[in-house]
N, C-alpha and C. Protein backbone atom coordinates (compact mmCIF):
# COMPACT_ATOMS: atom_id res chain seq x y z
N UNK A 1 125.39 103.12 155.21
CA UNK A 1 124.75 104.03 156.36
C UNK A 1 123.10 103.02 156.57
N UNK A 2 123.76 101.77 157.80
CA UNK A 2 122.42 100.90 157.67
C UNK A 2 121.21 101.43 157.74
N UNK A 3 120.83 103.22 158.03
CA UNK A 3 119.79 103.55 158.18
C UNK A 3 119.30 103.75 156.41
N UNK A 4 119.93 103.52 155.13
CA UNK A 4 119.95 103.73 154.15
C UNK A 4 119.48 102.58 153.67
N UNK A 5 119.59 101.63 154.15
CA UNK A 5 119.18 99.86 153.16
C UNK A 5 118.53 99.59 154.36
N UNK A 6 118.27 99.82 155.26
CA UNK A 6 117.58 98.46 156.31
C UNK A 6 116.13 98.64 155.94
N UNK A 7 115.35 99.21 155.12
CA UNK A 7 114.01 98.71 154.96
C UNK A 7 113.52 98.04 152.82
N UNK A 8 115.03 98.61 152.21
CA UNK A 8 115.31 98.36 150.51
C UNK A 8 115.39 97.14 150.06
N UNK A 9 114.47 97.11 149.13
CA UNK A 9 114.81 95.49 148.62
C UNK A 9 115.48 95.53 147.35
N UNK A 10 115.87 96.72 146.72
CA UNK A 10 116.58 96.71 145.58
C UNK A 10 117.35 97.68 145.74
N UNK A 11 118.85 97.63 145.78
CA UNK A 11 119.97 98.03 146.27
C UNK A 11 121.08 98.45 145.05
N UNK A 12 121.23 99.97 144.30
CA UNK A 12 121.97 99.96 143.14
C UNK A 12 123.57 100.80 143.92
N UNK A 13 124.80 100.31 143.31
CA UNK A 13 125.98 101.16 143.67
C UNK A 13 126.15 102.40 142.17
N UNK A 14 126.72 103.10 142.15
CA UNK A 14 127.37 104.05 141.20
C UNK A 14 129.10 104.71 141.16
N UNK A 15 129.67 104.22 140.42
CA UNK A 15 131.11 105.20 140.73
C UNK A 15 131.12 106.26 140.50
N UNK A 16 131.58 107.06 140.95
CA UNK A 16 131.88 108.80 140.84
C UNK A 16 132.28 108.69 139.33
N UNK A 17 131.51 109.66 138.67
CA UNK A 17 131.91 109.58 136.82
C UNK A 17 131.69 108.81 136.35
N UNK A 18 130.72 107.89 136.42
CA UNK A 18 130.38 106.72 135.91
C UNK A 18 128.73 106.15 135.57
N UNK A 19 128.68 106.68 134.74
CA UNK A 19 127.03 106.44 134.37
C UNK A 19 126.30 105.23 134.81
N UNK A 20 126.93 104.03 134.74
CA UNK A 20 126.56 102.55 134.78
C UNK A 20 126.53 102.37 136.13
N UNK A 21 125.06 102.29 136.41
CA UNK A 21 124.78 101.40 137.77
C UNK A 21 124.88 100.14 138.38
N UNK A 22 125.16 99.68 139.24
CA UNK A 22 125.52 97.94 139.51
C UNK A 22 124.54 97.59 140.89
N UNK A 23 123.96 96.40 140.32
CA UNK A 23 122.84 95.85 141.36
C UNK A 23 124.03 95.61 142.71
N UNK A 24 123.69 95.30 144.21
CA UNK A 24 124.23 94.83 144.96
C UNK A 24 123.28 94.17 145.85
N UNK A 25 123.83 93.36 146.88
CA UNK A 25 123.39 93.02 148.18
C UNK A 25 123.94 93.15 149.62
N UNK A 26 123.09 93.11 150.30
CA UNK A 26 123.96 93.58 151.90
C UNK A 26 124.72 92.55 152.61
N UNK A 27 126.02 92.53 152.24
CA UNK A 27 126.65 92.03 152.79
C UNK A 27 126.84 91.53 154.69
N UNK A 28 127.02 92.88 155.02
CA UNK A 28 126.99 92.83 156.63
C UNK A 28 126.14 94.08 156.98
N UNK A 29 125.49 94.12 158.21
CA UNK A 29 125.59 95.35 158.51
C UNK A 29 125.25 95.72 159.89
N UNK A 30 125.67 96.60 160.30
CA UNK A 30 125.42 96.86 162.24
C UNK A 30 125.05 98.41 162.00
N UNK A 31 123.47 97.91 163.00
CA UNK A 31 122.33 99.07 163.02
C UNK A 31 123.12 100.13 164.13
N UNK A 32 123.96 99.11 164.84
CA UNK A 32 124.26 99.97 166.45
C UNK A 32 125.14 100.95 166.42
N UNK A 33 126.04 100.93 165.04
CA UNK A 33 126.67 102.09 164.89
C UNK A 33 126.67 102.83 163.18
N UNK A 34 124.96 101.93 162.53
CA UNK A 34 124.76 102.41 161.33
C UNK A 34 125.81 102.34 160.17
N UNK A 35 126.03 100.96 159.93
CA UNK A 35 127.19 100.92 159.27
C UNK A 35 126.66 99.67 158.22
N UNK A 36 126.56 99.92 156.83
CA UNK A 36 126.36 98.56 156.13
C UNK A 36 127.83 98.43 155.08
N UNK A 37 127.69 97.27 154.77
CA UNK A 37 128.80 96.52 153.56
C UNK A 37 128.10 96.14 152.64
N UNK A 38 128.37 96.63 151.33
CA UNK A 38 127.47 96.09 150.44
C UNK A 38 128.47 95.63 149.31
N UNK A 39 127.66 94.16 148.23
CA UNK A 39 128.71 93.37 147.76
C UNK A 39 127.91 93.92 146.43
N UNK A 40 128.68 94.18 145.36
CA UNK A 40 127.82 94.35 143.92
C UNK A 40 127.96 92.99 143.27
N UNK A 41 126.87 93.05 142.59
CA UNK A 41 126.35 91.95 142.22
C UNK A 41 127.91 91.11 141.04
N UNK A 42 128.55 92.18 140.44
CA UNK A 42 129.36 91.61 139.58
C UNK A 42 131.06 91.69 140.26
N UNK A 43 131.59 90.96 140.13
CA UNK A 43 133.19 90.39 141.23
C UNK A 43 134.11 91.22 139.90
N UNK A 44 133.95 91.99 139.11
CA UNK A 44 134.77 93.07 138.59
C UNK A 44 134.35 94.28 138.54
N UNK A 45 133.34 94.84 139.40
CA UNK A 45 132.66 96.08 139.37
C UNK A 45 133.65 97.01 140.10
N UNK A 46 134.34 96.30 141.42
CA UNK A 46 135.34 97.10 142.25
C UNK A 46 136.87 97.23 141.80
N UNK A 47 137.02 96.71 140.44
CA UNK A 47 138.86 96.70 139.53
C UNK A 47 138.57 97.68 139.45
N UNK A 48 140.19 98.39 139.35
CA UNK A 48 140.63 99.44 139.54
C UNK A 48 140.23 100.68 140.31
N UNK A 49 139.29 100.15 141.55
CA UNK A 49 139.29 101.30 142.63
C UNK A 49 140.39 100.66 144.05
N UNK A 50 140.94 101.59 144.72
CA UNK A 50 141.71 101.61 145.62
C UNK A 50 140.91 101.56 147.03
N UNK A 51 140.78 100.44 148.01
CA UNK A 51 140.02 100.04 148.84
C UNK A 51 140.34 101.53 150.21
N UNK A 52 139.45 101.78 150.46
CA UNK A 52 139.49 103.00 151.83
C UNK A 52 140.54 102.90 152.87
N UNK A 53 141.57 102.92 153.25
CA UNK A 53 142.06 102.99 154.82
C UNK A 53 141.37 103.39 155.90
N UNK A 54 141.08 102.19 156.58
CA UNK A 54 140.18 103.00 157.78
C UNK A 54 141.29 102.89 159.40
N UNK A 55 141.71 104.24 159.66
CA UNK A 55 142.60 104.36 160.30
C UNK A 55 141.92 104.31 162.08
N UNK A 56 142.72 105.23 162.80
CA UNK A 56 142.26 104.50 164.44
C UNK A 56 141.37 105.68 164.58
N UNK A 57 141.91 106.21 165.60
CA UNK A 57 140.81 107.31 166.69
C UNK A 57 141.38 108.53 166.02
N UNK A 58 140.48 109.28 165.56
CA UNK A 58 141.32 110.66 165.10
C UNK A 58 141.63 111.34 166.30
N UNK A 59 142.75 112.67 166.57
CA UNK A 59 142.82 113.16 167.39
C UNK A 59 141.96 114.78 167.64
N UNK A 60 141.52 115.76 168.32
CA UNK A 60 141.58 116.81 168.46
C UNK A 60 141.93 117.82 167.29
N UNK A 61 141.68 118.28 166.52
CA UNK A 61 142.30 119.44 165.49
C UNK A 61 142.52 118.42 163.99
N UNK A 62 142.53 117.15 164.34
CA UNK A 62 142.55 116.35 163.22
C UNK A 62 141.67 117.07 161.59
N UNK A 63 142.42 117.10 160.60
CA UNK A 63 141.50 117.25 159.31
C UNK A 63 140.86 116.17 158.63
N UNK A 64 139.21 116.76 158.44
CA UNK A 64 138.43 115.53 158.58
C UNK A 64 137.79 116.04 156.71
N UNK A 65 137.27 115.22 156.11
CA UNK A 65 136.62 115.65 154.84
C UNK A 65 134.81 114.55 155.52
N UNK A 66 134.44 115.84 154.37
CA UNK A 66 132.49 114.50 154.50
C UNK A 66 132.59 114.51 153.12
N UNK A 67 132.24 113.77 152.85
CA UNK A 67 131.93 113.00 151.13
C UNK A 67 130.59 112.51 151.13
N UNK A 68 129.81 112.53 149.82
CA UNK A 68 128.11 112.24 150.41
C UNK A 68 127.69 113.23 148.95
N UNK A 69 126.41 112.71 148.71
CA UNK A 69 125.46 113.48 148.18
C UNK A 69 124.50 114.00 149.01
N UNK A 70 124.54 115.29 149.00
CA UNK A 70 123.23 115.58 150.20
C UNK A 70 121.87 115.79 149.00
N UNK A 71 121.16 116.49 149.68
CA UNK A 71 120.00 116.53 148.87
C UNK A 71 119.59 117.23 148.15
N UNK A 72 119.29 117.10 146.95
CA UNK A 72 119.02 118.43 145.57
C UNK A 72 120.34 118.36 144.86
N UNK A 73 120.83 117.84 144.96
CA UNK A 73 122.00 117.19 143.52
C UNK A 73 122.43 115.81 143.69
N UNK A 74 123.19 115.62 142.50
CA UNK A 74 123.47 114.36 141.96
C UNK A 74 124.98 113.88 141.80
N UNK A 75 125.85 115.06 142.28
CA UNK A 75 127.29 115.24 142.24
C UNK A 75 127.69 115.54 143.16
N UNK A 76 128.99 114.34 143.85
CA UNK A 76 129.47 114.52 144.76
C UNK A 76 130.05 115.66 145.34
N UNK A 77 129.65 115.79 146.94
CA UNK A 77 130.38 116.62 147.89
C UNK A 77 130.76 116.88 148.73
N UNK A 78 132.22 117.66 148.82
CA UNK A 78 133.03 117.65 149.50
C UNK A 78 133.36 119.19 150.81
N UNK A 79 133.02 118.63 151.98
CA UNK A 79 133.37 119.73 153.00
C UNK A 79 134.92 119.18 153.75
N UNK A 80 135.47 120.35 154.32
CA UNK A 80 136.09 119.73 154.91
C UNK A 80 136.18 120.60 156.49
N UNK A 81 137.04 120.54 157.72
CA UNK A 81 136.96 120.82 158.75
C UNK A 81 137.85 120.30 159.69
N UNK A 82 137.77 120.52 161.10
CA UNK A 82 138.41 119.58 162.11
C UNK A 82 137.71 119.12 163.37
N UNK A 83 138.34 117.99 163.86
CA UNK A 83 137.65 117.34 164.95
C UNK A 83 137.82 118.15 165.91
N UNK A 84 136.52 118.51 166.65
CA UNK A 84 136.25 119.40 167.59
C UNK A 84 136.53 118.92 168.98
N UNK A 85 135.58 117.74 168.87
CA UNK A 85 135.27 116.98 170.10
C UNK A 85 135.20 115.43 170.36
N UNK A 86 135.67 115.05 171.06
CA UNK A 86 135.75 113.17 170.57
C UNK A 86 134.97 112.87 171.91
N UNK A 87 133.95 112.16 171.98
CA UNK A 87 133.13 111.35 173.41
C UNK A 87 132.18 110.49 173.06
N UNK A 88 131.78 109.75 173.66
CA UNK A 88 130.80 108.54 174.33
C UNK A 88 129.40 109.73 173.43
N UNK A 89 128.74 108.99 172.59
CA UNK A 89 127.30 109.84 172.59
C UNK A 89 126.38 108.50 172.20
N UNK A 90 125.08 108.90 172.16
CA UNK A 90 124.29 107.97 172.02
C UNK A 90 123.99 108.22 169.99
N UNK A 91 124.08 107.23 169.03
CA UNK A 91 123.61 106.74 167.94
C UNK A 91 122.47 107.09 167.68
N UNK A 92 122.03 108.21 166.56
CA UNK A 92 120.57 108.74 166.39
C UNK A 92 120.20 107.20 165.62
N UNK A 93 120.54 106.63 164.90
CA UNK A 93 119.55 105.03 164.61
C UNK A 93 119.74 104.21 165.95
N UNK A 94 120.41 104.34 166.25
CA UNK A 94 120.64 102.69 167.21
C UNK A 94 120.06 103.42 168.59
N UNK A 95 120.28 104.24 169.33
CA UNK A 95 120.25 105.03 170.74
C UNK A 95 121.35 104.40 171.32
N UNK A 96 122.16 103.77 170.80
CA UNK A 96 123.62 103.22 172.17
C UNK A 96 124.47 103.83 171.82
N UNK A 97 125.59 103.86 172.94
CA UNK A 97 126.39 104.55 173.49
C UNK A 97 127.65 104.28 172.69
N UNK A 98 128.18 105.07 171.78
CA UNK A 98 129.43 104.50 170.70
C UNK A 98 130.27 105.95 170.91
N UNK A 99 131.55 105.65 170.63
CA UNK A 99 132.26 107.08 170.67
C UNK A 99 132.18 107.70 168.89
N UNK A 100 132.18 109.10 169.54
CA UNK A 100 131.97 109.56 168.23
C UNK A 100 132.56 110.99 168.32
N UNK A 101 132.93 111.60 167.54
CA UNK A 101 133.47 112.64 167.04
C UNK A 101 132.56 113.80 166.55
N UNK A 102 132.81 115.27 166.88
CA UNK A 102 131.77 116.55 166.60
C UNK A 102 132.78 116.87 165.86
N UNK A 103 132.60 117.34 164.47
CA UNK A 103 133.29 118.37 163.42
C UNK A 103 133.30 119.19 163.00
N UNK A 104 133.70 120.33 162.41
CA UNK A 104 133.45 121.58 162.30
C UNK A 104 132.82 121.67 160.86
N UNK A 105 132.97 120.70 159.78
CA UNK A 105 132.73 120.69 158.03
C UNK A 105 131.61 120.15 158.65
N UNK A 106 130.94 120.94 157.10
CA UNK A 106 129.32 120.87 156.94
C UNK A 106 128.67 119.73 156.69
N UNK A 107 127.53 118.85 157.40
CA UNK A 107 127.37 117.70 156.69
C UNK A 107 126.40 118.31 156.35
N UNK A 108 125.76 118.07 155.18
CA UNK A 108 124.25 118.69 154.75
C UNK A 108 123.29 117.36 154.61
N UNK A 109 122.12 117.87 154.69
CA UNK A 109 120.74 117.22 154.96
C UNK A 109 120.85 116.09 153.77
N UNK A 110 120.63 114.67 153.90
CA UNK A 110 120.66 113.65 153.12
C UNK A 110 122.41 113.29 152.68
N UNK A 111 123.20 113.57 152.98
CA UNK A 111 124.64 113.54 152.93
C UNK A 111 124.59 112.30 153.06
N UNK A 112 124.39 111.12 153.80
CA UNK A 112 124.52 109.82 153.71
C UNK A 112 124.68 108.73 152.93
N UNK A 113 123.37 109.97 151.70
CA UNK A 113 122.61 109.26 151.11
C UNK A 113 123.30 108.86 149.59
N UNK A 114 122.32 108.83 148.90
CA UNK A 114 123.07 108.99 147.12
C UNK A 114 121.83 109.66 146.34
N UNK A 115 122.40 110.20 145.27
CA UNK A 115 120.87 111.01 143.98
C UNK A 115 120.06 109.25 144.00
N UNK A 116 118.76 110.16 143.65
CA UNK A 116 117.56 109.06 143.79
C UNK A 116 117.52 108.82 142.65
């Protein structure tokens, strides 16, 4: 997320179930939609991982999963729910009006970041 890296000078990545961390640089950032793409410093860091498939616009009642590292823990948290509304809303980070989905899955405080 762009709001996580916007004022950082040192960024690290850590794969699930792997204690080793890898430094990274910002490859691209869009503050409008709060998205940041990071590039690991080692080209082989992503070997063995499958790329995430990004789909189209969800429909009402589609199943969704929220994955992240909320405040108070260092393990991955996964909650599930459904899409209950799709509409244009202002994004908190940029105040731009973009398409957003309202979901009923729990999104806990700090879920967009990682363990400190």
